[in-house]
């Protein structure tokens, strides 16, 4: 494959664009391998993409508040009627 000046940048843009579309890393990796890119270059491009996306990610200034409550099941007055063995057969 003929490499241009910003070969790695083009692969990074391809990865970033398709990650935003919802493709998985593994599917993109196989697509790039099938297009003739080397695995080493693909790994470098993924590493660079992850670094760039991490720099652009917003920083949370506050901690999220986790609320929880325990819900107890309500057991109403249920009367279980015991039936003898013969009553089950006879009625």
PDB file of N, CA and C in Angstrom:
ATOM      1  N   UNK A   1       0.849  -1.173   0.000  1.00  0.00           N
ATOM      2  CA  UNK A   1       0.000   0.000   0.000  1.00  0.00           C
ATOM      3  C   UNK A   1       0.892   1.234   0.000  1.00  0.00           C
ATOM      4  N   UNK A   2       0.560   2.176  -0.810  1.00  0.00           N
ATOM      5  CA  UNK A   2       1.328   3.406  -0.921  1.00  0.00           C
ATOM      6  C   UNK A   2       0.936   4.361   0.193  1.00  0.00           C
ATOM      7  N   UNK A   3       1.923   4.807   0.953  1.00  0.00           N
ATOM      8  CA  UNK A   3       1.642   5.645   2.113  1.00  0.00           C
ATOM      9  C   UNK A   3       1.892   7.112   1.765  1.00  0.00           C
ATOM     10  N   UNK A   4       0.913   7.946   2.138  1.00  0.00           N
ATOM     11  CA  UNK A   4       1.052   9.375   1.903  1.00  0.00           C
ATOM     12  C   UNK A   4       1.717  10.017   3.110  1.00  0.00           C
ATOM     13  N   UNK A   5       1.839  11.345   3.074  1.00  0.00           N
ATOM     14  CA  UNK A   5       2.513  12.076   4.132  1.00  0.00           C
ATOM     15  C   UNK A   5       1.800  11.894   5.464  1.00  0.00           C
ATOM     16  N   UNK A   6       0.479  12.029   5.470  1.00  0.00           N
ATOM     17  CA  UNK A   6      -0.274  11.924   6.716  1.00  0.00           C
ATOM     18  C   UNK A   6      -1.107  10.642   6.723  1.00  0.00           C
ATOM     19  N   UNK A   7      -0.437   9.542   6.447  1.00  0.00           N
ATOM     20  CA  UNK A   7      -1.103   8.239   6.372  1.00  0.00           C
ATOM     21  C   UNK A   7      -1.779   7.892   7.699  1.00  0.00           C
ATOM     22  N   UNK A   8      -1.042   8.028   8.790  1.00  0.00           N
ATOM     23  CA  UNK A   8      -1.586   7.685  10.101  1.00  0.00           C
ATOM     24  C   UNK A   8      -2.751   8.599  10.459  1.00  0.00           C
ATOM     25  N   UNK A   9      -2.676   9.866  10.077  1.00  0.00           N
ATOM     26  CA  UNK A   9      -3.765  10.810  10.338  1.00  0.00           C
ATOM     27  C   UNK A   9      -5.040  10.423   9.615  1.00  0.00           C
ATOM     28  N   UNK A  10      -4.918   9.922   8.393  1.00  0.00           N
ATOM     29  CA  UNK A  10      -6.090   9.486   7.639  1.00  0.00           C
ATOM     30  C   UNK A  10      -6.743   8.269   8.286  1.00  0.00           C
ATOM     31  N   UNK A  11      -5.919   7.346   8.768  1.00  0.00           N
ATOM     32  CA  UNK A  11      -6.455   6.149   9.424  1.00  0.00           C
ATOM     33  C   UNK A  11      -7.133   6.550  10.731  1.00  0.00           C
ATOM     34  N   UNK A  12      -6.522   7.495  11.460  1.00  0.00           N
ATOM     35  CA  UNK A  12      -7.102   7.978  12.715  1.00  0.00           C
ATOM     36  C   UNK A  12      -8.457   8.625  12.453  1.00  0.00           C
ATOM     37  N   UNK A  13      -8.556   9.439  11.423  1.00  0.00           N
ATOM     38  CA  UNK A  13      -9.834  10.078  11.082  1.00  0.00           C
ATOM     39  C   UNK A  13     -10.885   9.040  10.700  1.00  0.00           C
ATOM     40  N   UNK A  14     -10.477   8.016   9.968  1.00  0.00           N
ATOM     41  CA  UNK A  14     -11.386   6.931   9.593  1.00  0.00           C
ATOM     42  C   UNK A  14     -11.916   6.231  10.844  1.00  0.00           C
ATOM     43  N   UNK A  15     -11.015   5.923  11.766  1.00  0.00           N
ATOM     44  CA  UNK A  15     -11.411   5.228  13.000  1.00  0.00           C
ATOM     45  C   UNK A  15     -12.351   6.107  13.815  1.00  0.00           C
ATOM     46  N   UNK A  16     -11.976   7.369  14.000  1.00  0.00           N
ATOM     47  CA  UNK A  16     -12.788   8.280  14.807  1.00  0.00           C
ATOM     48  C   UNK A  16     -14.194   8.439  14.227  1.00  0.00           C
ATOM     49  N   UNK A  17     -14.275   8.627  12.916  1.00  0.00           N
ATOM     50  CA  UNK A  17     -15.564   8.823  12.249  1.00  0.00           C
ATOM     51  C   UNK A  17     -16.470   7.603  12.433  1.00  0.00           C
ATOM     52  N   UNK A  18     -15.890   6.410  12.285  1.00  0.00           N
ATOM     53  CA  UNK A  18     -16.693   5.196  12.374  1.00  0.00           C
ATOM     54  C   UNK A  18     -17.006   4.803  13.810  1.00  0.00           C
ATOM     55  N   UNK A  19     -16.159   5.176  14.763  1.00  0.00           N
ATOM     56  CA  UNK A  19     -16.496   4.943  16.167  1.00  0.00           C
ATOM     57  C   UNK A  19     -17.697   5.794  16.567  1.00  0.00           C
ATOM     58  N   UNK A  20     -17.748   7.021  16.058  1.00  0.00           N
ATOM     59  CA  UNK A  20     -18.888   7.894  16.348  1.00  0.00           C
ATOM     60  C   UNK A  20     -20.172   7.361  15.715  1.00  0.00           C
ATOM     61  N   UNK A  21     -20.042   6.631  14.622  1.00  0.00           N
ATOM     62  CA  UNK A  21     -21.213   6.030  13.987  1.00  0.00           C
ATOM     63  C   UNK A  21     -21.717   4.822  14.759  1.00  0.00           C
ATOM     64  N   UNK A  22     -20.864   4.267  15.643  1.00  0.00           N
ATOM     65  CA  UNK A  22     -21.299   3.147  16.462  1.00  0.00           C
ATOM     66  C   UNK A  22     -20.635   1.820  16.148  1.00  0.00           C
ATOM     67  N   UNK A  23     -19.669   1.810  15.249  1.00  0.00           N
ATOM     68  CA  UNK A  23     -18.972   0.565  14.949  1.00  0.00           C
ATOM     69  C   UNK A  23     -18.050   0.195  16.110  1.00  0.00           C
ATOM     70  N   UNK A  24     -17.811  -1.087  16.288  1.00  0.00           N
ATOM     71  CA  UNK A  24     -16.925  -1.536  17.360  1.00  0.00           C
ATOM     72  C   UNK A  24     -15.472  -1.460  16.899  1.00  0.00           C
ATOM     73  N   UNK A  25     -14.576  -1.436  17.879  1.00  0.00           N
ATOM     74  CA  UNK A  25     -13.148  -1.383  17.556  1.00  0.00           C
ATOM     75  C   UNK A  25     -12.721  -2.620  16.775  1.00  0.00           C
ATOM     76  N   UNK A  26     -13.239  -3.762  17.197  1.00  0.00           N
ATOM     77  CA  UNK A  26     -12.845  -5.013  16.545  1.00  0.00           C
ATOM     78  C   UNK A  26     -13.301  -5.044  15.087  1.00  0.00           C
ATOM     79  N   UNK A  27     -14.500  -4.567  14.807  1.00  0.00           N
ATOM     80  CA  UNK A  27     -14.974  -4.563  13.417  1.00  0.00           C
ATOM     81  C   UNK A  27     -14.164  -3.594  12.565  1.00  0.00           C
ATOM     82  N   UNK A  28     -13.790  -2.461  13.137  1.00  0.00           N
ATOM     83  CA  UNK A  28     -12.947  -1.510  12.398  1.00  0.00           C
ATOM     84  C   UNK A  28     -11.556  -2.077  12.155  1.00  0.00           C
ATOM     85  N   UNK A  29     -11.041  -2.776  13.167  1.00  0.00           N
ATOM     86  CA  UNK A  29      -9.705  -3.374  13.031  1.00  0.00           C
ATOM     87  C   UNK A  29      -9.694  -4.372  11.864  1.00  0.00           C
ATOM     88  N   UNK A  30     -10.722  -5.223  11.789  1.00  0.00           N
ATOM     89  CA  UNK A  30     -10.775  -6.206  10.703  1.00  0.00           C
ATOM     90  C   UNK A  30     -11.019  -5.549   9.353  1.00  0.00           C
ATOM     91  N   UNK A  31     -11.794  -4.477   9.343  1.00  0.00           N
ATOM     92  CA  UNK A  31     -12.033  -3.767   8.078  1.00  0.00           C
ATOM     93  C   UNK A  31     -10.720  -3.164   7.554  1.00  0.00           C
ATOM     94  N   UNK A  32      -9.928  -2.598   8.453  1.00  0.00           N
ATOM     95  CA  UNK A  32      -8.646  -2.007   8.041  1.00  0.00           C
ATOM     96  C   UNK A  32      -7.656  -3.083   7.588  1.00  0.00           C
ATOM     97  N   UNK A  33      -7.653  -4.214   8.266  1.00  0.00           N
ATOM     98  CA  UNK A  33      -6.769  -5.317   7.850  1.00  0.00           C
ATOM     99  C   UNK A  33      -7.175  -5.800   6.464  1.00  0.00           C
ATOM    100  N   UNK A  34      -8.472  -5.930   6.215  1.00  0.00           N
ATOM    101  CA  UNK A  34      -8.945  -6.380   4.908  1.00  0.00           C
ATOM    102  C   UNK A  34      -8.674  -5.362   3.808  1.00  0.00           C
ATOM    103  N   UNK A  35      -8.518  -4.092   4.182  1.00  0.00           N
ATOM    104  CA  UNK A  35      -8.190  -3.062   3.192  1.00  0.00           C
ATOM    105  C   UNK A  35      -6.697  -3.022   2.892  1.00  0.00           C
ATOM    106  N   UNK A  36      -5.890  -3.791   3.635  1.00  0.00           N
ATOM    107  CA  UNK A  36      -4.465  -3.884   3.331  1.00  0.00           C
ATOM    108  C   UNK A  36      -3.566  -3.110   4.272  1.00  0.00           C
ATOM    109  N   UNK A  37      -4.095  -2.576   5.359  1.00  0.00           N
ATOM    110  CA  UNK A  37      -3.262  -1.851   6.316  1.00  0.00           C
ATOM    111  C   UNK A  37      -2.554  -2.847   7.228  1.00  0.00           C
ATOM    112  N   UNK A  38      -1.364  -2.491   7.683  1.00  0.00           N
ATOM    113  CA  UNK A  38      -0.625  -3.398   8.567  1.00  0.00           C
ATOM    114  C   UNK A  38      -1.177  -3.309   9.983  1.00  0.00           C
ATOM    115  N   UNK A  39      -1.045  -4.397  10.711  1.00  0.00           N
ATOM    116  CA  UNK A  39      -1.569  -4.442  12.079  1.00  0.00           C
ATOM    117  C   UNK A  39      -0.830  -3.470  12.998  1.00  0.00           C
ATOM    118  N   UNK A  40       0.440  -3.271  12.762  1.00  0.00           N
ATOM    119  CA  UNK A  40       1.216  -2.340  13.588  1.00  0.00           C
ATOM    120  C   UNK A  40       0.708  -0.918  13.394  1.00  0.00           C
ATOM    121  N   UNK A  41       0.469  -0.532  12.152  1.00  0.00           N
ATOM    122  CA  UNK A  41      -0.050   0.804  11.873  1.00  0.00           C
ATOM    123  C   UNK A  41      -1.458   0.981  12.436  1.00  0.00           C
ATOM    124  N   UNK A  42      -2.254  -0.069  12.374  1.00  0.00           N
ATOM    125  CA  UNK A  42      -3.617  -0.010  12.916  1.00  0.00           C
ATOM    126  C   UNK A  42      -3.555   0.193  14.428  1.00  0.00           C
ATOM    127  N   UNK A  43      -2.659  -0.542  15.097  1.00  0.00           N
ATOM    128  CA  UNK A  43      -2.517  -0.387  16.549  1.00  0.00           C
ATOM    129  C   UNK A  43      -2.069   1.025  16.913  1.00  0.00           C
ATOM    130  N   UNK A  44      -1.126   1.575  16.145  1.00  0.00           N
ATOM    131  CA  UNK A  44      -0.668   2.954  16.385  1.00  0.00           C
ATOM    132  C   UNK A  44      -1.826   3.940  16.196  1.00  0.00           C
ATOM    133  N   UNK A  45      -2.633   3.716  15.166  1.00  0.00           N
ATOM    134  CA  UNK A  45      -3.748   4.617  14.885  1.00  0.00           C
ATOM    135  C   UNK A  45      -4.799   4.535  15.991  1.00  0.00           C
ATOM    136  N   UNK A  46      -5.077   3.340  16.496  1.00  0.00           N
ATOM    137  CA  UNK A  46      -6.044   3.204  17.587  1.00  0.00           C
ATOM    138  C   UNK A  46      -5.530   3.889  18.849  1.00  0.00           C
ATOM    139  N   UNK A  47      -4.253   3.730  19.133  1.00  0.00           N
ATOM    140  CA  UNK A  47      -3.680   4.363  20.323  1.00  0.00           C
ATOM    141  C   UNK A  47      -3.769   5.890  20.209  1.00  0.00           C
ATOM    142  N   UNK A  48      -3.438   6.404  19.039  1.00  0.00           N
ATOM    143  CA  UNK A  48      -3.509   7.857  18.833  1.00  0.00           C
ATOM    144  C   UNK A  48      -4.954   8.359  18.893  1.00  0.00           C
ATOM    145  N   UNK A  49      -5.886   7.595  18.341  1.00  0.00           N
ATOM    146  CA  UNK A  49      -7.297   7.965  18.382  1.00  0.00           C
ATOM    147  C   UNK A  49      -7.801   8.025  19.814  1.00  0.00           C
ATOM    148  N   UNK A  50      -7.441   7.017  20.613  1.00  0.00           N
ATOM    149  CA  UNK A  50      -7.869   6.985  22.013  1.00  0.00           C
ATOM    150  C   UNK A  50      -7.291   8.163  22.792  1.00  0.00           C
ATOM    151  N   UNK A  51      -6.047   8.523  22.522  1.00  0.00           N
ATOM    152  CA  UNK A  51      -5.430   9.664  23.205  1.00  0.00           C
ATOM    153  C   UNK A  51      -6.131  10.965  22.830  1.00  0.00           C
ATOM    154  N   UNK A  52      -6.421  11.137  21.554  1.00  0.00           N
ATOM    155  CA  UNK A  52      -7.086  12.369  21.113  1.00  0.00           C
ATOM    156  C   UNK A  52      -8.507  12.464  21.666  1.00  0.00           C
ATOM    157  N   UNK A  53      -9.222  11.349  21.671  1.00  0.00           N
ATOM    158  CA  UNK A  53     -10.591  11.368  22.181  1.00  0.00           C
ATOM    159  C   UNK A  53     -10.599  11.573  23.695  1.00  0.00           C
ATOM    160  N   UNK A  54      -9.590  11.086  24.393  1.00  0.00           N
ATOM    161  CA  UNK A  54      -9.510  11.285  25.840  1.00  0.00           C
ATOM    162  C   UNK A  54      -9.254  12.758  26.162  1.00  0.00           C
ATOM    163  N   UNK A  55      -8.468  13.420  25.337  1.00  0.00           N
ATOM    164  CA  UNK A  55      -8.217  14.857  25.560  1.00  0.00           C
ATOM    165  C   UNK A  55      -9.474  15.687  25.344  1.00  0.00           C
ATOM    166  N   UNK A  56     -10.325  15.253  24.418  1.00  0.00           N
ATOM    167  CA  UNK A  56     -11.538  15.997  24.096  1.00  0.00           C
ATOM    168  C   UNK A  56     -12.705  15.679  25.026  1.00  0.00           C
ATOM    169  N   UNK A  57     -12.594  14.613  25.792  1.00  0.00           N
ATOM    170  CA  UNK A  57     -13.698  14.187  26.662  1.00  0.00           C
ATOM    171  C   UNK A  57     -13.906  15.222  27.769  1.00  0.00           C
ATOM    172  N   UNK A  58     -15.164  15.522  28.108  1.00  0.00           N
ATOM    173  CA  UNK A  58     -15.415  16.491  29.175  1.00  0.00           C
ATOM    174  C   UNK A  58     -15.043  15.909  30.536  1.00  0.00           C
ATOM    175  N   UNK A  59     -14.577  16.788  31.404  1.00  0.00           N
ATOM    176  CA  UNK A  59     -14.195  16.389  32.742  1.00  0.00           C
ATOM    177  C   UNK A  59     -15.378  16.649  33.672  1.00  0.00           C
ATOM    178  N   UNK A  60     -15.766  15.636  34.442  1.00  0.00           N
ATOM    179  CA  UNK A  60     -16.869  15.798  35.385  1.00  0.00           C
ATOM    180  C   UNK A  60     -16.379  16.607  36.576  1.00  0.00           C
ATOM    181  N   UNK A  61     -17.087  17.691  36.877  1.00  0.00           N
ATOM    182  CA  UNK A  61     -16.682  18.545  37.982  1.00  0.00           C
ATOM    183  C   UNK A  61     -17.320  18.119  39.293  1.00  0.00           C
ATOM    184  N   UNK A  62     -18.434  17.462  39.219  1.00  0.00           N
ATOM    185  CA  UNK A  62     -19.099  17.010  40.433  1.00  0.00           C
ATOM    186  C   UNK A  62     -19.278  15.506  40.380  1.00  0.00           C
ATOM    187  N   UNK A  63     -19.308  14.931  41.553  1.00  0.00           N
ATOM    188  CA  UNK A  63     -19.533  13.498  41.626  1.00  0.00           C
ATOM    189  C   UNK A  63     -21.025  13.229  41.468  1.00  0.00           C
ATOM    190  N   UNK A  64     -21.373  12.172  40.783  1.00  0.00           N
ATOM    191  CA  UNK A  64     -22.792  11.852  40.663  1.00  0.00           C
ATOM    192  C   UNK A  64     -23.350  11.391  42.009  1.00  0.00           C
ATOM    193  N   UNK A  65     -24.592  11.740  42.256  1.00  0.00           N
ATOM    194  CA  UNK A  65     -25.258  11.354  43.491  1.00  0.00           C
ATOM    195  C   UNK A  65     -26.009  10.051  43.232  1.00  0.00           C
ATOM    196  N   UNK A  66     -25.700   9.064  44.043  1.00  0.00           N
ATOM    197  CA  UNK A  66     -26.349   7.764  43.895  1.00  0.00           C
ATOM    198  C   UNK A  66     -27.391   7.644  44.993  1.00  0.00           C
ATOM    199  N   UNK A  67     -28.629   7.487  44.579  1.00  0.00           N
ATOM    200  CA  UNK A  67     -29.715   7.331  45.532  1.00  0.00           C
ATOM    201  C   UNK A  67     -30.226   5.907  45.444  1.00  0.00           C
ATOM    202  N   UNK A  68     -30.543   5.371  46.608  1.00  0.00           N
ATOM    203  CA  UNK A  68     -31.113   4.037  46.614  1.00  0.00           C
ATOM    204  C   UNK A  68     -32.110   3.926  47.744  1.00  0.00           C
ATOM    205  N   UNK A  69     -33.054   3.049  47.571  1.00  0.00           N
ATOM    206  CA  UNK A  69     -34.030   2.789  48.612  1.00  0.00           C
ATOM    207  C   UNK A  69     -34.356   1.305  48.598  1.00  0.00           C
ATOM    208  N   UNK A  70     -34.632   0.804  49.767  1.00  0.00           N
ATOM    209  CA  UNK A  70     -34.952  -0.604  49.900  1.00  0.00           C
ATOM    210  C   UNK A  70     -36.460  -0.748  49.855  1.00  0.00           C
ATOM    211  N   UNK A  71     -36.919  -1.556  48.946  1.00  0.00           N
ATOM    212  CA  UNK A  71     -38.349  -1.770  48.789  1.00  0.00           C
ATOM    213  C   UNK A  71     -38.670  -3.153  49.314  1.00  0.00           C
ATOM    214  N   UNK A  72     -39.479  -3.184  50.339  1.00  0.00           N
ATOM    215  CA  UNK A  72     -39.873  -4.452  50.941  1.00  0.00           C
ATOM    216  C   UNK A  72     -41.151  -4.934  50.261  1.00  0.00           C
ATOM    217  N   UNK A  73     -41.234  -6.198  49.956  1.00  0.00           N
ATOM    218  CA  UNK A  73     -42.463  -6.702  49.333  1.00  0.00           C
ATOM    219  C   UNK A  73     -43.620  -6.686  50.327  1.00  0.00           C
ATOM    220  N   UNK A  74     -44.772  -6.320  49.835  1.00  0.00           N
ATOM    221  CA  UNK A  74     -45.960  -6.276  50.684  1.00  0.00           C
ATOM    222  C   UNK A  74     -46.629  -7.637  50.655  1.00  0.00           C
ATOM    223  N   UNK A  75     -46.806  -8.194  51.834  1.00  0.00           N
ATOM    224  CA  UNK A  75     -47.477  -9.483  51.946  1.00  0.00           C
ATOM    225  C   UNK A  75     -48.819  -9.223  52.614  1.00  0.00           C
ATOM    226  N   UNK A  76     -49.862  -9.434  51.847  1.00  0.00           N
ATOM    227  CA  UNK A  76     -51.196  -9.218  52.376  1.00  0.00           C
ATOM    228  C   UNK A  76     -51.638 -10.471  53.122  1.00  0.00           C
ATOM    229  N   UNK A  77     -52.719 -10.339  53.801  1.00  0.00           N
ATOM    230  CA  UNK A  77     -53.232 -11.481  54.557  1.00  0.00           C
ATOM    231  C   UNK A  77     -53.722 -12.547  53.584  1.00  0.00           C
ATOM    232  N   UNK A  78     -52.880 -13.500  53.378  1.00  0.00           N
ATOM    233  CA  UNK A  78     -53.225 -14.593  52.480  1.00  0.00           C
ATOM    234  C   UNK A  78     -53.460 -15.828  53.337  1.00  0.00           C
ATOM    235  N   UNK A  79     -54.640 -16.363  53.216  1.00  0.00           N
ATOM    236  CA  UNK A  79     -54.963 -17.564  53.974  1.00  0.00           C
ATOM    237  C   UNK A  79     -54.832 -18.762  53.046  1.00  0.00           C
ATOM    238  N   UNK A  80     -53.917 -19.607  53.400  1.00  0.00           N
ATOM    239  CA  UNK A  80     -53.739 -20.817  52.620  1.00  0.00           C
ATOM    240  C   UNK A  80     -54.600 -21.913  53.226  1.00  0.00           C
ATOM    241  N   UNK A  81     -55.388 -22.466  52.421  1.00  0.00           N
ATOM    242  CA  UNK A  81     -56.290 -23.513  52.862  1.00  0.00           C
ATOM    243  C   UNK A  81     -55.618 -24.859  52.618  1.00  0.00           C
ATOM    244  N   UNK A  82     -55.434 -25.613  53.693  1.00  0.00           N
ATOM    245  CA  UNK A  82     -54.819 -26.913  53.556  1.00  0.00           C
ATOM    246  C   UNK A  82     -55.867 -27.898  53.057  1.00  0.00           C
ATOM    247  N   UNK A  83     -55.478 -28.641  52.078  1.00  0.00           N
ATOM    248  CA  UNK A  83     -56.377 -29.640  51.535  1.00  0.00           C
ATOM    249  C   UNK A  83     -55.759 -31.003  51.801  1.00  0.00           C
ATOM    250  N   UNK A  84     -56.554 -31.874  52.228  1.00  0.00           N
ATOM    251  CA  UNK A  84     -56.087 -33.228  52.476  1.00  0.00           C
ATOM    252  C   UNK A  84     -55.887 -33.944  51.155  1.00  0.00           C
ATOM    253  N   UNK A  85     -55.134 -35.027  51.235  1.00  0.00           N
ATOM    254  CA  UNK A  85     -54.822 -35.781  50.036  1.00  0.00           C
ATOM    255  C   UNK A  85     -56.073 -36.260  49.303  1.00  0.00           C
ATOM    256  N   UNK A  86     -57.023 -36.802  50.009  1.00  0.00           N
ATOM    257  CA  UNK A  86     -58.234 -37.333  49.380  1.00  0.00           C
ATOM    258  C   UNK A  86     -59.136 -36.232  48.845  1.00  0.00           C
ATOM    259  N   UNK A  87     -59.100 -35.095  49.487  1.00  0.00           N
ATOM    260  CA  UNK A  87     -59.921 -33.988  49.005  1.00  0.00           C
ATOM    261  C   UNK A  87     -59.439 -33.466  47.657  1.00  0.00           C
ATOM    262  N   UNK A  88     -58.134 -33.595  47.433  1.00  0.00           N
ATOM    263  CA  UNK A  88     -57.604 -33.173  46.144  1.00  0.00           C
ATOM    264  C   UNK A  88     -58.133 -34.069  45.017  1.00  0.00           C
ATOM    265  N   UNK A  89     -58.294 -35.361  45.320  1.00  0.00           N
ATOM    266  CA  UNK A  89     -58.749 -36.291  44.305  1.00  0.00           C
ATOM    267  C   UNK A  89     -60.261 -36.282  44.154  1.00  0.00           C
ATOM    268  N   UNK A  90     -60.933 -36.135  45.249  1.00  0.00           N
ATOM    269  CA  UNK A  90     -62.396 -36.220  45.212  1.00  0.00           C
ATOM    270  C   UNK A  90     -62.994 -34.871  44.864  1.00  0.00           C
ATOM    271  N   UNK A  91     -62.464 -33.850  45.401  1.00  0.00           N
ATOM    272  CA  UNK A  91     -63.006 -32.550  45.067  1.00  0.00           C
ATOM    273  C   UNK A  91     -63.191 -31.725  46.210  1.00  0.00           C
TER     274      UNK A  91
END
